């Protein structure tokens, strides 16, 4: 059905490559590219199907454009760093290729999570007849689709949305992050924002917590309110939502380490001079922390991610919970990655499938909830992330 270039050979890139390879009738040709070709080659060697590999610097727009013109893919699946989103979008426009990512652009020198930079590409993609699908991971991504599905099938209007992300896994390390440490720590330490009536209200990072009991004996966890980019698009596209918040679980051990690292300046994103050379403390910290891709064989337990929607149906208040539970062990058994990478990589593949099959394809820049959720929800059940819903 089509050809894709996957940019990024980390844990998520590994999952995307494996999952695309499992659907040859859709992904006829797969090219995996990153700055380090050896990483691409190692991933390709573990897949029972031919995967092309290439070395490419996603920040070099002319070189990336030339590469895309040579390979001629139908779609680029961007699972590189969020700093690189705009460069990859520029190359896709120049080469006439559709675009998909899993996280919104953020500037390198500021932990600012905002869609405005990518939404500004709307006219350019529309005029080029190309589609850019933003945030096709789990959160953002599946959580957007869960919300759209609830709005379509369960509610006349949704008034309140809580997105709850619990990682009930344990990797046994003193301190490690389950995805890119630099991105993870920037996200966690940024000021919290939640939606209240008609605006975002800012509070101190990690200053509000509560207890949440997951279904199916995953466990009970402390969850902390923080900002996540899907809230920006969801309150825009579902204006009946008067209150929206995002919650994520963290262990006391994780938070204590993070507090100490912050106190000594290791989470700073501005350069400092060391031995006459500028270094960014957080980037140095990333280099000494365990690589998230190494945690796959170590991590046990399950994730539980979903949306609690409260609203009105036939004049009565209704509260629904739509969620997925994913096993770290089962994910590793299938694709040699833990569940955090799995729950991001599978939706990236499904989003690409929606585009290549033309179920989700129209000129412009779109968030996940702007398309029909039904085919995506069906595909989740078929490709490793089955979902459930319950009335609360």
Protein backbone atom coordinates (compact mmCIF):
# COMPACT_ATOMS: atom_id res chain seq x y z
CA UNK A 1 0.00 0.00 0.00
CA UNK A 2 2.86 2.39 0.70
CA UNK A 3 6.41 3.26 1.68
CA UNK A 4 7.46 4.88 4.96
CA UNK A 5 10.60 6.43 6.36
CA UNK A 6 10.90 6.12 10.15
CA UNK A 7 13.22 8.76 11.63
CA UNK A 8 14.57 7.81 15.04
CA UNK A 9 16.14 4.58 16.29
CA UNK A 10 15.44 4.75 20.01
CA UNK A 11 13.01 2.58 21.93
CA UNK A 12 9.95 3.96 20.13
CA UNK A 13 11.61 3.70 16.72
CA UNK A 14 12.31 0.05 17.43
CA UNK A 15 8.63 -0.60 18.22
CA UNK A 16 7.43 1.31 15.15
CA UNK A 17 9.77 -0.65 12.87
CA UNK A 18 8.65 -3.98 14.34
CA UNK A 19 4.95 -3.13 14.18
CA UNK A 20 5.10 -1.76 10.63
CA UNK A 21 6.93 -4.91 9.55
CA UNK A 22 4.03 -6.98 10.92
CA UNK A 23 1.62 -5.40 8.41
CA UNK A 24 3.30 -5.88 5.01
CA UNK A 25 0.05 -5.34 3.11
CA UNK A 26 0.09 -1.71 4.34
CA UNK A 27 3.82 -1.05 4.80
CA UNK A 28 5.31 -2.40 1.60
CA UNK A 29 8.66 -0.67 2.09
CA UNK A 30 10.21 0.47 5.38
CA UNK A 31 13.32 2.61 5.76
CA UNK A 32 14.70 3.28 9.25
CA UNK A 33 16.99 6.30 9.54
CA UNK A 34 18.84 8.11 12.32
CA UNK A 35 22.11 9.87 13.06
CA UNK A 36 23.56 6.53 14.15
CA UNK A 37 23.10 3.98 11.38
CA UNK A 38 24.43 1.19 13.63
CA UNK A 39 21.34 1.55 15.82
CA UNK A 40 19.13 1.21 12.75
CA UNK A 41 21.06 -1.84 11.60
CA UNK A 42 20.71 -3.49 15.03
CA UNK A 43 16.93 -2.97 14.99
CA UNK A 44 16.65 -4.23 11.41
CA UNK A 45 18.65 -7.35 12.28
CA UNK A 46 15.99 -8.28 14.84
CA UNK A 47 13.12 -8.12 12.36
CA UNK A 48 12.21 -11.08 10.18
CA UNK A 49 11.75 -8.93 7.10
CA UNK A 50 13.95 -6.66 4.99
CA UNK A 51 14.23 -3.17 6.47
CA UNK A 52 16.37 -0.56 4.72
CA UNK A 53 18.53 1.61 6.96
CA UNK A 54 20.22 4.96 6.51
CA UNK A 55 22.24 7.62 8.30
CA UNK A 56 20.55 11.02 8.35
CA UNK A 57 20.72 14.19 10.44
CA UNK A 58 17.11 15.34 10.83
CA UNK A 59 18.29 18.89 11.60
CA UNK A 60 19.88 19.19 8.16
CA UNK A 61 16.82 20.11 6.11
CA UNK A 62 18.52 20.15 2.66
CA UNK A 63 20.15 16.75 3.26
CA UNK A 64 16.91 15.28 4.61
CA UNK A 65 14.98 16.68 1.65
CA UNK A 66 17.50 15.14 -0.75
CA UNK A 67 17.20 11.82 1.11
CA UNK A 68 13.38 11.87 0.89
CA UNK A 69 13.52 12.74 -2.81
CA UNK A 70 15.76 9.73 -3.32
CA UNK A 71 13.72 7.23 -1.26
CA UNK A 72 10.34 8.68 -2.32
CA UNK A 73 8.30 7.52 0.67
CA UNK A 74 4.59 8.24 0.99
CA UNK A 75 4.97 9.15 4.65
CA UNK A 76 7.58 10.12 7.23
CA UNK A 77 7.04 8.74 10.75
CA UNK A 78 8.92 11.12 13.03
CA UNK A 79 9.98 9.50 16.31
CA UNK A 80 13.10 11.65 16.70
CA UNK A 81 13.42 14.43 19.29
CA UNK A 82 10.62 17.03 19.55
CA UNK A 83 13.18 19.77 18.81
CA UNK A 84 13.40 18.37 15.28
CA UNK A 85 9.69 18.41 14.37
CA UNK A 86 9.76 21.65 12.37
CA UNK A 87 12.89 20.67 10.44
CA UNK A 88 11.30 17.37 9.45
CA UNK A 89 8.04 19.10 8.51
CA UNK A 90 10.03 21.52 6.32
CA UNK A 91 11.74 18.61 4.55
CA UNK A 92 8.41 16.83 4.04
CA UNK A 93 6.96 19.95 2.43
CA UNK A 94 10.00 20.34 0.20
CA UNK A 95 9.89 16.68 -0.89
CA UNK A 96 6.09 16.33 -1.10
CA UNK A 97 5.74 13.71 1.64
CA UNK A 98 3.04 13.26 4.30
CA UNK A 99 4.14 13.70 7.94
CA UNK A 100 3.35 12.08 11.32
CA UNK A 101 4.85 12.59 14.78
CA UNK A 102 4.19 11.51 18.37
CA UNK A 103 4.95 14.69 20.34
CA UNK A 104 4.59 18.42 19.71
CA UNK A 105 7.50 20.64 18.82
CA UNK A 106 9.32 22.35 21.64
CA UNK A 107 12.27 24.77 21.38
CA UNK A 108 15.61 23.45 22.55
CA UNK A 109 16.25 26.35 24.91
CA UNK A 110 12.84 26.45 26.64
CA UNK A 111 10.63 23.73 28.13
CA UNK A 112 7.52 25.05 26.39
CA UNK A 113 4.91 22.59 25.18
CA UNK A 114 2.69 24.27 22.62
CA UNK A 115 1.15 23.38 19.24
CA UNK A 116 1.20 26.92 17.83
CA UNK A 117 4.41 26.42 15.85
CA UNK A 118 3.04 23.33 14.10
CA UNK A 119 -0.48 24.67 13.67
CA UNK A 120 1.10 27.57 11.77
CA UNK A 121 2.02 25.04 9.04
CA UNK A 122 -1.69 24.51 8.24
CA UNK A 123 -1.78 26.67 5.12
CA UNK A 124 1.49 25.30 3.74
CA UNK A 125 0.44 21.65 4.09
CA UNK A 126 -3.02 22.42 2.75
CA UNK A 127 -1.64 24.16 -0.35
CA UNK A 128 0.82 21.29 -0.90
CA UNK A 129 -2.00 18.73 -0.69
CA UNK A 130 -0.19 17.00 2.19
CA UNK A 131 -1.34 15.76 5.60
CA UNK A 132 0.53 16.33 8.85
CA UNK A 133 -0.82 14.21 11.72
CA UNK A 134 0.34 15.49 15.11
CA UNK A 135 0.78 13.48 18.29
CA UNK A 136 0.09 9.92 17.19
CA UNK A 137 1.49 8.29 20.33
CA UNK A 138 -0.48 7.28 23.40
CA UNK A 139 -0.63 10.53 25.34
CA UNK A 140 -0.93 12.52 23.18
CA UNK A 141 -2.54 10.26 20.63
CA UNK A 142 -4.69 7.44 21.91
CA UNK A 143 -5.98 9.68 24.70
CA UNK A 144 -7.19 12.13 22.02
CA UNK A 145 -8.91 9.28 20.17
CA UNK A 146 -10.45 7.96 23.41
CA UNK A 147 -11.93 11.42 23.98
CA UNK A 148 -13.24 11.65 20.42
CA UNK A 149 -14.74 8.15 20.69
CA UNK A 150 -16.47 9.06 23.96
CA UNK A 151 -17.84 12.26 22.40
CA UNK A 152 -19.13 10.34 19.39
CA UNK A 153 -20.66 7.32 21.11
CA UNK A 154 -21.36 8.07 24.78
CA UNK A 155 -22.05 11.78 25.30
CA UNK A 156 -24.12 14.63 23.98
CA UNK A 157 -21.40 16.84 25.46
CA UNK A 158 -18.26 16.27 27.54
CA UNK A 159 -17.83 18.79 30.36
CA UNK A 160 -14.83 17.42 32.24
CA UNK A 161 -11.82 15.40 31.13
CA UNK A 162 -9.13 13.74 33.22
CA UNK A 163 -6.29 11.96 31.42
CA UNK A 164 -4.58 9.53 33.79
CA UNK A 165 -1.24 7.87 32.98
CA UNK A 166 -0.05 5.23 35.44
CA UNK A 167 3.12 3.23 34.99
CA UNK A 168 2.90 0.32 37.40
CA UNK A 169 6.22 -1.08 36.19
CA UNK A 170 9.45 -1.55 38.12
CA UNK A 171 12.87 -1.68 36.44
CA UNK A 172 14.87 -2.10 39.65
CA UNK A 173 17.24 0.80 38.92
CA UNK A 174 17.98 3.48 41.55
CA UNK A 175 16.90 6.19 39.08
CA UNK A 176 16.01 5.92 35.42
CA UNK A 177 13.43 7.35 33.06
CA UNK A 178 11.20 5.19 30.89
CA UNK A 179 11.73 7.34 27.81
CA UNK A 180 14.30 9.91 26.69
CA UNK A 181 15.62 11.35 30.00
CA UNK A 182 16.03 14.84 28.61
CA UNK A 183 12.45 15.05 27.33
CA UNK A 184 11.03 13.28 30.38
CA UNK A 185 12.67 15.59 32.92
CA UNK A 186 11.87 18.76 30.95
CA UNK A 187 8.24 17.67 30.90
CA UNK A 188 8.01 16.79 34.59
CA UNK A 189 9.74 19.91 35.87
CA UNK A 190 7.77 22.38 33.70
CA UNK A 191 5.04 24.43 35.40
CA UNK A 192 1.70 22.64 35.60
CA UNK A 193 -1.31 23.94 33.66
CA UNK A 194 -4.89 22.70 33.75
CA UNK A 195 -7.98 23.97 31.95
CA UNK A 196 -10.58 25.78 34.05
CA UNK A 197 -13.75 27.22 32.41
CA UNK A 198 -12.11 29.16 29.56
CA UNK A 199 -8.37 29.38 30.25
CA UNK A 200 -5.33 27.49 31.42
CA UNK A 201 -4.49 27.96 35.09
CA UNK A 202 -0.81 27.62 36.00
CA UNK A 203 0.43 26.07 39.24
CA UNK A 204 3.79 24.88 40.52
CA UNK A 205 5.11 21.67 38.98
CA UNK A 206 4.03 18.50 40.81
CA UNK A 207 2.22 20.52 43.50
CA UNK A 208 -1.12 18.66 43.34
CA UNK A 209 -1.49 14.93 43.85
CA UNK A 210 -4.15 12.35 44.61
CA UNK A 211 -4.52 8.59 44.86
CA UNK A 212 -5.87 6.57 41.95
CA UNK A 213 -6.89 2.91 41.96
CA UNK A 214 -6.30 1.26 38.60
CA UNK A 215 -8.61 -1.48 37.35
CA UNK A 216 -7.65 -5.15 36.95
CA UNK A 217 -5.36 -5.19 40.00
CA UNK A 218 -2.72 -2.96 38.43
CA UNK A 219 -2.57 -1.22 41.81
CA UNK A 220 -3.19 2.07 43.60
CA UNK A 221 -0.78 4.92 42.88
CA UNK A 222 -0.10 8.55 43.71
CA UNK A 223 -0.78 10.59 40.59
CA UNK A 224 0.40 14.19 40.10
CA UNK A 225 -1.22 16.89 38.02
CA UNK A 226 1.00 18.22 35.25
CA UNK A 227 0.68 19.81 31.85
CA UNK A 228 0.47 17.69 28.72
CA UNK A 229 0.04 18.98 25.19
CA UNK A 230 -3.10 17.07 24.22
CA UNK A 231 -5.15 19.25 26.55
CA UNK A 232 -4.43 22.25 24.29
CA UNK A 233 -5.95 20.63 21.23
CA UNK A 234 -8.77 18.80 23.04
CA UNK A 235 -10.23 21.91 24.69
CA UNK A 236 -10.02 23.65 21.32
CA UNK A 237 -11.81 20.92 19.39
CA UNK A 238 -14.30 20.04 22.15
CA UNK A 239 -15.32 23.48 23.46
CA UNK A 240 -17.94 22.02 25.83
CA UNK A 241 -15.04 20.85 28.06
CA UNK A 242 -14.96 23.24 31.01
CA UNK A 243 -12.33 21.43 33.06
CA UNK A 244 -9.40 19.35 31.82
CA UNK A 245 -6.38 17.98 33.65
CA UNK A 246 -3.59 15.49 33.06
CA UNK A 247 -2.26 13.19 35.78
CA UNK A 248 0.79 10.92 35.87
CA UNK A 249 2.07 8.50 38.49
CA UNK A 250 5.50 8.87 40.08
CA UNK A 251 7.14 6.91 42.86
CA UNK A 252 8.51 8.64 45.95
CA UNK A 253 11.96 7.37 44.94
CA UNK A 254 11.74 9.00 41.51
CA UNK A 255 10.60 12.31 42.95
CA UNK A 256 13.32 12.36 45.62
CA UNK A 257 16.05 11.78 43.04
CA UNK A 258 14.52 14.45 40.80
CA UNK A 259 14.40 16.93 43.69
CA UNK A 260 18.07 16.39 44.53
CA UNK A 261 19.14 16.63 40.89
CA UNK A 262 17.15 19.85 40.54
CA UNK A 263 18.64 21.30 43.71
CA UNK A 264 22.20 20.81 42.46
CA UNK A 265 21.42 22.19 38.99
CA UNK A 266 21.54 18.97 36.98
CA UNK A 267 18.10 19.53 35.42
CA UNK A 268 19.05 22.93 33.98
CA UNK A 269 18.59 23.32 30.21
CA UNK A 270 20.75 26.43 29.86
CA UNK A 271 24.47 25.95 29.09
CA UNK A 272 27.16 26.21 31.76
CA UNK A 273 30.90 26.44 31.16
CA UNK A 274 32.91 23.35 32.15
CA UNK A 275 36.66 23.18 31.37
CA UNK A 276 36.16 26.03 28.96
CA UNK A 277 33.39 24.25 27.05
CA UNK A 278 29.63 24.97 27.19
CA UNK A 279 27.57 21.98 28.31
CA UNK A 280 23.87 21.65 29.14
CA UNK A 281 23.57 19.91 32.54
CA UNK A 282 20.42 18.01 31.58
CA UNK A 283 22.06 16.69 28.41
CA UNK A 284 25.04 15.53 30.47
CA UNK A 285 22.66 13.86 32.94
CA UNK A 286 21.00 12.08 30.04
CA UNK A 287 24.40 10.69 29.01
CA UNK A 288 25.05 9.11 32.42
CA UNK A 289 21.55 7.77 33.15
CA UNK A 290 20.51 4.30 31.91
CA UNK A 291 19.42 4.27 28.29
CA UNK A 292 15.63 3.70 28.34
CA UNK A 293 16.02 1.04 25.64
CA UNK A 294 18.14 -0.98 28.08
CA UNK A 295 15.25 -1.22 30.56
CA UNK A 296 13.15 -3.58 28.43
CA UNK A 297 14.38 -6.90 29.86
CA UNK A 298 14.40 -5.47 33.40
CA UNK A 299 10.93 -3.93 33.66
CA UNK A 300 8.06 -5.87 35.21
CA UNK A 301 4.45 -4.85 35.74
CA UNK A 302 1.82 -3.03 33.71
CA UNK A 303 0.85 0.42 32.52
CA UNK A 304 -2.70 1.78 32.78
CA UNK A 305 -3.52 4.84 30.69
CA UNK A 306 -6.93 6.25 29.97
CA UNK A 307 -9.49 9.04 30.01
CA UNK A 308 -12.19 9.75 32.56
CA UNK A 309 -14.90 11.75 30.80
CA UNK A 310 -17.82 13.40 32.59
CA UNK A 311 -20.70 14.93 30.67
CA UNK A 312 -24.33 14.83 29.65
CA UNK A 313 -26.27 12.14 27.79
CA UNK A 314 -30.01 12.52 27.23
CA UNK A 315 -30.17 15.18 29.89
CA UNK A 316 -28.47 13.10 32.57
CA UNK A 317 -24.91 13.23 33.92
CA UNK A 318 -22.67 10.37 32.80
CA UNK A 319 -19.11 9.41 33.74
CA UNK A 320 -17.10 7.04 31.54
CA UNK A 321 -13.59 5.62 31.83
CA UNK A 322 -11.86 4.37 28.67
CA UNK A 323 -8.45 2.79 29.21
CA UNK A 324 -5.74 0.41 28.09
CA UNK A 325 -3.56 -1.84 30.24
CA UNK A 326 -0.25 -2.97 28.78
CA UNK A 327 2.24 -5.50 30.18
CA UNK A 328 5.93 -4.59 30.15
CA UNK A 329 6.87 -8.26 29.93
CA UNK A 330 4.54 -9.00 27.02
CA UNK A 331 5.75 -5.93 25.14
CA UNK A 332 9.35 -7.01 25.55
CA UNK A 333 8.52 -10.54 24.46
CA UNK A 334 7.01 -9.22 21.23
CA UNK A 335 9.28 -6.33 20.18
CA UNK A 336 12.18 -6.24 22.70
CA UNK A 337 10.98 -2.96 24.25
CA UNK A 338 9.21 -2.09 27.50
CA UNK A 339 5.59 -0.91 27.56
CA UNK A 340 6.33 2.83 27.57
CA UNK A 341 7.93 2.55 24.14
CA UNK A 342 5.31 0.02 23.05
CA UNK A 343 2.34 2.21 23.95
CA UNK A 344 3.87 5.06 21.93
CA UNK A 345 5.12 3.03 18.98
CA UNK A 346 1.97 1.03 18.28
CA UNK A 347 -0.25 4.14 17.88
CA UNK A 348 2.40 5.69 15.63
CA UNK A 349 2.12 2.66 13.36
CA UNK A 350 -1.69 2.76 13.50
CA UNK A 351 -1.77 6.47 12.68
CA UNK A 352 0.46 5.75 9.69
CA UNK A 353 -1.88 2.94 8.69
CA UNK A 354 -4.84 5.32 8.85
CA UNK A 355 -3.03 7.71 6.52
CA UNK A 356 -1.74 5.16 4.03
CA UNK A 357 -5.20 3.56 3.80
CA UNK A 358 -6.63 7.08 3.24
CA UNK A 359 -9.05 6.74 6.15
CA UNK A 360 -7.32 9.73 7.73
CA UNK A 361 -5.96 11.80 4.87
CA UNK A 362 -6.82 15.36 3.91
CA UNK A 363 -4.63 18.38 3.24
CA UNK A 364 -3.55 20.32 6.32
CA UNK A 365 -2.25 19.91 9.86
CA UNK A 366 -4.42 17.87 12.21
CA UNK A 367 -4.60 16.50 15.72
CA UNK A 368 -5.83 12.98 16.28
CA UNK A 369 -9.32 13.89 17.55
CA UNK A 370 -10.16 15.66 14.29
CA UNK A 371 -10.61 12.35 12.47
CA UNK A 372 -13.17 9.55 12.85
CA UNK A 373 -12.02 7.58 15.92
CA UNK A 374 -13.71 4.29 15.01
CA UNK A 375 -11.14 2.74 12.62
CA UNK A 376 -8.29 3.71 14.95
CA UNK A 377 -10.08 2.17 17.95
CA UNK A 378 -10.65 -1.04 15.98
CA UNK A 379 -6.97 -1.17 15.05
CA UNK A 380 -5.88 -0.77 18.69
CA UNK A 381 -7.69 -4.01 19.49
CA UNK A 382 -6.03 -5.81 16.60
CA UNK A 383 -2.46 -4.61 17.03
CA UNK A 384 -1.61 -5.02 20.70
CA UNK A 385 -3.34 -2.26 22.70
CA UNK A 386 -6.88 -3.49 23.44
CA UNK A 387 -9.07 -0.97 25.23
CA UNK A 388 -11.96 -1.23 27.63
CA UNK A 389 -14.65 1.16 28.82
CA UNK A 390 -16.71 1.28 31.97
CA UNK A 391 -19.30 3.54 33.56
CA UNK A 392 -18.18 5.06 36.86
